[in-house]
Every structure is written in structure tokens, then in C-alpha cells.
C-alpha atoms as a PDB file:
ATOM      1  CA  MET A   1      59.889   6.448 -28.123  1.00  0.00           C
ATOM      2  CA  SER A   2      56.613   8.749 -28.949  1.00  0.00           C
ATOM      3  CA  ALA A   3      54.833   7.029 -25.966  1.00  0.00           C
ATOM      4  CA  PHE A   4      57.743   8.499 -23.696  1.00  0.00           C
ATOM      5  CA  ILE A   5      57.637  12.252 -25.497  1.00  0.00           C
ATOM      6  CA  GLN A   6      53.896  11.927 -25.020  1.00  0.00           C
ATOM      7  CA  GLN A   7      53.799  10.867 -21.379  1.00  0.00           C
ATOM      8  CA  LEU A   8      57.219  13.615 -20.709  1.00  0.00           C
ATOM      9  CA  PRO A   9      54.815  16.395 -19.923  1.00  0.00           C
ATOM     10  CA  ALA A  10      52.860  14.408 -17.490  1.00  0.00           C
ATOM     11  CA  LEU A  11      55.935  13.108 -16.127  1.00  0.00           C
ATOM     12  CA  ILE A  12      57.537  16.883 -15.285  1.00  0.00           C
ATOM     13  CA  GLY A  13      54.311  17.695 -14.038  1.00  0.00           C
ATOM     14  CA  VAL A  14      54.402  15.013 -11.274  1.00  0.00           C
ATOM     15  CA  VAL A  15      58.183  15.493 -10.317  1.00  0.00           C
ATOM     16  CA  ILE A  16      57.386  19.596 -10.221  1.00  0.00           C
ATOM     17  CA  GLY A  17      54.104  18.702  -8.108  1.00  0.00           C
ATOM     18  CA  ALA A  18      56.405  16.546  -5.501  1.00  0.00           C
ATOM     19  CA  LEU A  19      59.004  19.374  -5.479  1.00  0.00           C
ATOM     20  CA  GLY A  20      56.550  21.843  -4.692  1.00  0.00           C
ATOM     21  CA  SER A  21      54.877  19.703  -2.060  1.00  0.00           C
ATOM     22  CA  TYR A  22      58.198  18.824  -0.705  1.00  0.00           C
ATOM     23  CA  LEU A  23      59.261  22.581  -0.644  1.00  0.00           C
ATOM     24  CA  ALA A  24      55.833  23.574   0.951  1.00  0.00           C
ATOM     25  CA  VAL A  25      55.751  21.088   3.586  1.00  0.00           C
ATOM     26  CA  VAL A  26      59.902  21.734   4.375  1.00  0.00           C
ATOM     27  CA  ARG A  27      58.654  25.258   4.293  1.00  0.00           C
ATOM     28  CA  SER A  28      55.734  24.551   6.551  1.00  0.00           C
ATOM     29  CA  ASP A  29      57.816  22.858   9.184  1.00  0.00           C
ATOM     30  CA  ARG A  30      60.487  25.740   9.313  1.00  0.00           C
ATOM     31  CA  VAL A  31      57.911  28.180  10.219  1.00  0.00           C
ATOM     32  CA  ARG A  32      56.571  25.911  13.120  1.00  0.00           C
ATOM     33  CA  ASP A  33      59.626  25.479  14.321  1.00  0.00           C
ATOM     34  CA  GLN A  34      60.354  28.900  14.342  1.00  0.00           C
ATOM     35  CA  ARG A  35      57.206  29.538  16.041  1.00  0.00           C
ATOM     36  CA  GLU A  36      57.659  26.866  18.747  1.00  0.00           C
ATOM     37  CA  ARG A  37      61.039  27.946  19.049  1.00  0.00           C
ATOM     38  CA  ALA A  38      60.112  31.714  19.812  1.00  0.00           C
ATOM     39  CA  SER A  39      57.153  30.466  22.121  1.00  0.00           C
ATOM     40  CA  ARG A  40      59.246  28.361  24.252  1.00  0.00           C
ATOM     41  CA  TRP A  41      61.959  31.595  24.628  1.00  0.00           C
ATOM     42  CA  GLU A  42      58.875  33.373  25.087  1.00  0.00           C
ATOM     43  CA  GLU A  43      57.977  31.246  28.154  1.00  0.00           C
ATOM     44  CA  ARG A  44      61.295  31.305  29.695  1.00  0.00           C
ATOM     45  CA  ARG A  45      61.766  35.077  29.821  1.00  0.00           C
ATOM     46  CA  LEU A  46      58.379  35.359  31.331  1.00  0.00           C
ATOM     47  CA  ALA A  47      59.141  33.102  33.670  1.00  0.00           C
ATOM     48  CA  VAL A  48      62.586  34.931  34.732  1.00  0.00           C
ATOM     49  CA  TYR A  49      60.892  38.066  34.854  1.00  0.00           C
ATOM     50  CA  GLY A  50      58.645  37.024  37.202  1.00  0.00           C
ATOM     51  CA  GLU A  51      61.093  35.174  39.535  1.00  0.00           C
ATOM     52  CA  TYR A  52      63.019  38.683  39.298  1.00  0.00           C
ATOM     53  CA  ALA A  53      59.807  40.446  40.485  1.00  0.00           C
ATOM     54  CA  ARG A  54      58.918  37.865  43.111  1.00  0.00           C
ATOM     55  CA  THR A  55      62.789  38.279  44.645  1.00  0.00           C
ATOM     56  CA  LEU A  56      62.888  41.840  44.862  1.00  0.00           C
ATOM     57  CA  LYS A  57      59.342  41.963  46.159  1.00  0.00           C
ATOM     58  CA  LYS A  58      60.565  39.960  49.249  1.00  0.00           C
ATOM     59  CA  SER A  59      63.331  42.675  49.686  1.00  0.00           C
ATOM     60  CA  VAL A  60      60.494  45.249  49.140  1.00  0.00           C
ATOM     61  CA  THR A  61      58.296  43.370  51.751  1.00  0.00           C
ATOM     62  CA  LEU A  62      60.916  43.368  54.330  1.00  0.00           C
ATOM     63  CA  THR A  63      61.756  46.732  54.103  1.00  0.00           C
ATOM     64  CA  TYR A  64      58.063  47.931  54.613  1.00  0.00           C
ATOM     65  CA  ARG A  65      58.216  45.963  57.759  1.00  0.00           C
ATOM     66  CA  VAL A  66      61.504  47.962  59.399  1.00  0.00           C
ATOM     67  CA  ALA A  67      59.908  50.834  58.222  1.00  0.00           C
ATOM     68  CA  SER A  68      56.626  49.963  60.358  1.00  0.00           C
ATOM     69  CA  HIS A  69      59.199  49.495  63.115  1.00  0.00           C
ATOM     70  CA  LEU A  70      60.923  52.678  62.793  1.00  0.00           C
ATOM     71  CA  GLY A  71      57.474  54.506  62.605  1.00  0.00           C
ATOM     72  CA  ASN A  72      57.790  55.462  58.783  1.00  0.00           C
ATOM     73  CA  ASP A  73      55.120  52.963  57.329  1.00  0.00           C
ATOM     74  CA  PRO A  74      51.548  51.591  58.466  1.00  0.00           C
ATOM     75  CA  HIS A  75      52.641  47.993  57.676  1.00  0.00           C
ATOM     76  CA  PRO A  76      50.591  45.666  60.285  1.00  0.00           C
ATOM     77  CA  HIS A  77      53.839  43.250  60.906  1.00  0.00           C
ATOM     78  CA  PRO A  78      56.706  45.327  62.131  1.00  0.00           C
ATOM     79  CA  LEU A  79      59.771  43.911  62.173  1.00  0.00           C
ATOM     80  CA  SER A  80      63.190  45.107  64.260  1.00  0.00           C
ATOM     81  CA  PRO A  81      66.319  45.953  62.301  1.00  0.00           C
ATOM     82  CA  GLN A  82      68.165  43.487  64.188  1.00  0.00           C
ATOM     83  CA  GLU A  83      65.355  40.959  63.277  1.00  0.00           C
ATOM     84  CA  ALA A  84      65.466  41.717  59.997  1.00  0.00           C
ATOM     85  CA  ALA A  85      69.008  41.841  58.877  1.00  0.00           C
ATOM     86  CA  PRO A  86      69.435  38.365  57.996  1.00  0.00           C
ATOM     87  CA  LEU A  87      66.470  38.058  56.027  1.00  0.00           C
ATOM     88  CA  MET A  88      67.000  40.963  54.063  1.00  0.00           C
ATOM     89  CA  ALA A  89      70.885  39.616  53.786  1.00  0.00           C
ATOM     90  CA  GLU A  90      69.031  36.292  52.065  1.00  0.00           C
ATOM     91  CA  ALA A  91      66.891  38.455  50.183  1.00  0.00           C
ATOM     92  CA  THR A  92      69.658  40.168  48.792  1.00  0.00           C
ATOM     93  CA  LEU A  93      71.352  37.176  47.883  1.00  0.00           C
ATOM     94  CA  ALA A  94      68.243  35.570  46.596  1.00  0.00           C
ATOM     95  CA  ARG A  95      68.321  38.813  44.149  1.00  0.00           C
ATOM     96  CA  ASP A  96      71.564  38.118  42.248  1.00  0.00           C
ATOM     97  CA  PRO A  97      70.751  34.579  40.231  1.00  0.00           C
ATOM     98  CA  SER A  98      67.783  36.107  39.179  1.00  0.00           C
ATOM     99  CA  GLY A  99      69.056  39.303  38.219  1.00  0.00           C
ATOM    100  CA  GLU A 100      71.687  37.501  36.257  1.00  0.00           C
ATOM    101  CA  ALA A 101      68.980  35.715  34.406  1.00  0.00           C
ATOM    102  CA  LEU A 102      67.431  38.664  33.859  1.00  0.00           C
ATOM    103  CA  ILE A 103      70.265  40.066  32.207  1.00  0.00           C
ATOM    104  CA  LEU A 104      70.975  37.053  30.240  1.00  0.00           C
ATOM    105  CA  LEU A 105      67.208  36.465  28.517  1.00  0.00           C
ATOM    106  CA  GLY A 106      65.524  39.693  29.015  1.00  0.00           C
ATOM    107  CA  SER A 107      65.325  42.716  26.842  1.00  0.00           C
ATOM    108  CA  PRO A 108      67.555  45.947  27.161  1.00  0.00           C
ATOM    109  CA  GLU A 109      64.330  47.779  28.295  1.00  0.00           C
ATOM    110  CA  VAL A 110      63.522  45.232  30.610  1.00  0.00           C
ATOM    111  CA  VAL A 111      66.957  45.190  31.980  1.00  0.00           C
ATOM    112  CA  GLU A 112      67.345  48.780  32.325  1.00  0.00           C
ATOM    113  CA  ARG A 113      63.808  49.170  34.200  1.00  0.00           C
ATOM    114  CA  ALA A 114      64.836  46.250  36.755  1.00  0.00           C
ATOM    115  CA  ARG A 115      68.028  48.543  37.248  1.00  0.00           C
ATOM    116  CA  VAL A 116      65.584  51.553  38.228  1.00  0.00           C
ATOM    117  CA  TRP A 117      63.653  49.281  40.192  1.00  0.00           C
ATOM    118  CA  VAL A 118      66.344  47.838  42.135  1.00  0.00           C
ATOM    119  CA  VAL A 119      68.446  51.093  42.361  1.00  0.00           C
ATOM    120  CA  SER A 120      65.362  52.334  44.492  1.00  0.00           C
ATOM    121  CA  VAL A 121      64.904  49.511  46.683  1.00  0.00           C
ATOM    122  CA  MET A 122      68.683  49.534  47.624  1.00  0.00           C
ATOM    123  CA  GLU A 123      67.617  53.226  48.462  1.00  0.00           C
ATOM    124  CA  MET A 124      64.990  52.046  50.870  1.00  0.00           C
ATOM    125  CA  GLU A 125      67.272  49.672  52.111  1.00  0.00           C
ATOM    126  CA  THR A 126      69.930  52.443  52.853  1.00  0.00           C
ATOM    127  CA  PHE A 127      67.548  54.620  54.489  1.00  0.00           C
ATOM    128  CA  LEU A 128      66.265  52.006  56.878  1.00  0.00           C
ATOM    129  CA  ARG A 129      70.118  50.540  58.138  1.00  0.00           C
ATOM    130  CA  ALA A 130      70.632  54.015  58.807  1.00  0.00           C
ATOM    131  CA  GLU A 131      67.432  53.384  61.078  1.00  0.00           C
ATOM    132  CA  THR A 132      65.992  56.909  59.916  1.00  0.00           C
ATOM    133  CA  ARG A 133      62.810  58.174  61.514  1.00  0.00           C
ATOM    134  CA  ASP A 134      61.284  60.332  58.778  1.00  0.00           C
ATOM    135  CA  PRO A 135      57.889  59.377  57.191  1.00  0.00           C
ATOM    136  CA  GLU A 136      58.150  61.812  54.617  1.00  0.00           C
ATOM    137  CA  ALA A 137      61.024  60.963  53.174  1.00  0.00           C
ATOM    138  CA  TRP A 138      59.966  57.179  53.503  1.00  0.00           C
ATOM    139  CA  GLN A 139      56.600  58.244  51.141  1.00  0.00           C
ATOM    140  CA  ALA A 140      58.956  59.536  48.592  1.00  0.00           C
ATOM    141  CA  LEU A 141      61.328  56.324  48.777  1.00  0.00           C
ATOM    142  CA  LEU A 142      58.199  54.631  48.720  1.00  0.00           C
ATOM    143  CA  GLU A 143      56.762  56.168  45.412  1.00  0.00           C
ATOM    144  CA  ALA A 144      60.095  56.185  43.800  1.00  0.00           C
ATOM    145  CA  GLN A 145      59.929  52.224  44.384  1.00  0.00           C
ATOM    146  CA  ARG A 146      56.391  51.929  43.200  1.00  0.00           C
ATOM    147  CA  ALA A 147      57.422  54.023  39.976  1.00  0.00           C
ATOM    148  CA  GLY A 148      60.317  51.687  39.319  1.00  0.00           C
ATOM    149  CA  ARG A 149      58.297  48.696  39.881  1.00  0.00           C
ATOM    150  CA  GLU A 150      55.329  50.060  37.622  1.00  0.00           C
ATOM    151  CA  GLY A 151      58.313  50.942  35.171  1.00  0.00           C
ATOM    152  CA  TYR A 152      59.203  47.580  35.065  1.00  0.00           C
ATOM    153  CA  TYR A 153      55.740  45.714  34.535  1.00  0.00           C
ATOM    154  CA  ALA A 154      55.227  48.178  31.808  1.00  0.00           C
ATOM    155  CA  ALA A 155      58.197  47.239  29.772  1.00  0.00           C
ATOM    156  CA  VAL A 156      57.469  43.355  30.701  1.00  0.00           C
ATOM    157  CA  ARG A 157      54.114  43.712  29.193  1.00  0.00           C
ATOM    158  CA  ASP A 158      55.329  45.718  26.114  1.00  0.00           C
ATOM    159  CA  ASP A 159      58.220  42.784  25.320  1.00  0.00           C
ATOM    160  CA  LEU A 160      56.045  39.848  25.611  1.00  0.00           C
ATOM    161  CA  ALA A 161      53.238  41.966  24.136  1.00  0.00           C
ATOM    162  CA  LEU A 162      50.815  41.439  26.883  1.00  0.00           C
ATOM    163  CA  PRO A 163      48.202  43.650  27.002  1.00  0.00           C
ATOM    164  CA  PRO A 164      48.372  46.715  29.797  1.00  0.00           C
ATOM    165  CA  GLY A 165      47.743  45.749  33.385  1.00  0.00           C
ATOM    166  CA  HIS A 166      46.801  47.137  36.747  1.00  0.00           C
ATOM    167  CA  SER A 167      49.292  49.912  38.029  1.00  0.00           C
ATOM    168  CA  ALA A 168      48.842  48.546  41.756  1.00  0.00           C
ATOM    169  CA  ARG A 169      48.337  52.001  42.928  1.00  0.00           C
ATOM    170  CA  TRP A 170      45.674  51.949  45.665  1.00  0.00           C
ATOM    171  CA  PRO A 171      45.693  54.762  48.689  1.00  0.00           C
ATOM    172  CA  LEU A 172      47.027  53.319  52.367  1.00  0.00           C
ATOM    173  CA  PRO A 173      46.325  54.455  55.384  1.00  0.00           C
ATOM    174  CA  PRO A 174      49.261  56.976  56.355  1.00  0.00           C
ATOM    175  CA  ALA A 175      52.014  55.976  59.049  1.00  0.00           C
ATOM    176  CA  SER A 176      50.948  56.385  62.338  1.00  0.00           C
ATOM    177  CA  GLY A 177      53.978  58.755  62.998  1.00  0.00           C
ATOM    178  CA  ALA A 178      52.454  61.072  60.013  1.00  0.00           C
END
């Protein structure tokens, strides 16, 4: 019995060491799993944010082209409102699923900034459906849309902890009618 008691401290040390090792591995695995899960969700959010921007940008490009046809914008590829109508309807329909994904996965700030951007695009579309010919009013709508886009991208960068990016604002020639 005395031999057992003499080796008891060593045995207790082995048990404590094994338990400590087990707990360290479990904690390490848990931390790694959490980090991997966060990374996957971040990748998914980035994909959703990018897809939303692409679908909205399709609508924006179509509005530029129609505005060019009406003499409001210098876009080099004008498109009549009649030719644009089915394309704009398609672009609007494509916005809905990407908008729902954005609401589901996006941060509240990104979703709010997306709302501001899409409302400005909808105002541009309304302006063009009325076939308004007013380059100055169009420029004001463009500025609101560009500010909305810039705000959206800034919110996305903040949410994903990305470095600041380019504002994508550079001077363009005025519309020929301006």
C-alpha cells in the first residue's frame, strides 16, 4: 500500500495533465470552429453585398442610357424608354431576391444604406418614366444616387472590417443638352 501512496502524487499529476491537455484541445477546437464559422458568414455576407450592388447597378446603368436618349446624360449608348422598359422590368425583378438576401444576412446599417441607395434609384426611374427632359434635375438625382452608393459601400466596408475604398467619383462630361 505504501508503494501506491508514494506513487499517488505522480498518478494525480498524470491525471491532471491529461485533463488539462484535453480541456486545452477542446477549447482550441471550439475557438477554431467559431473563427471558421465567422469567416464563412463573412464570406456569405460579402457575396450578398456584392450581388445586391450588381443588381442595383444594372438598374442604374439602364437609367443612364434612357436619360441619354432624353438628352439628360452623356452616356454613349442611349436607349429609348420603349426599348428599355422590358430591361428595366427585368432588372427590377432581379433586385427583389438579392434585396431579400441582403435583409436576411446584412447588418442593420448596411440594410439602411441599401434602402437609401435603392430609393434614389427608384426616383431616377420615376423621373425617366415621365420622360422628363431636365439635365439639371437629372444631375441632382445622379448626385443622390452616387451618395447612396458611396454610403452603401462605406457601410459594407465597416461591417466587414475592410479598408476604405475609392469613392468612384470622377468628373464626367456634361450632357450635350446642358
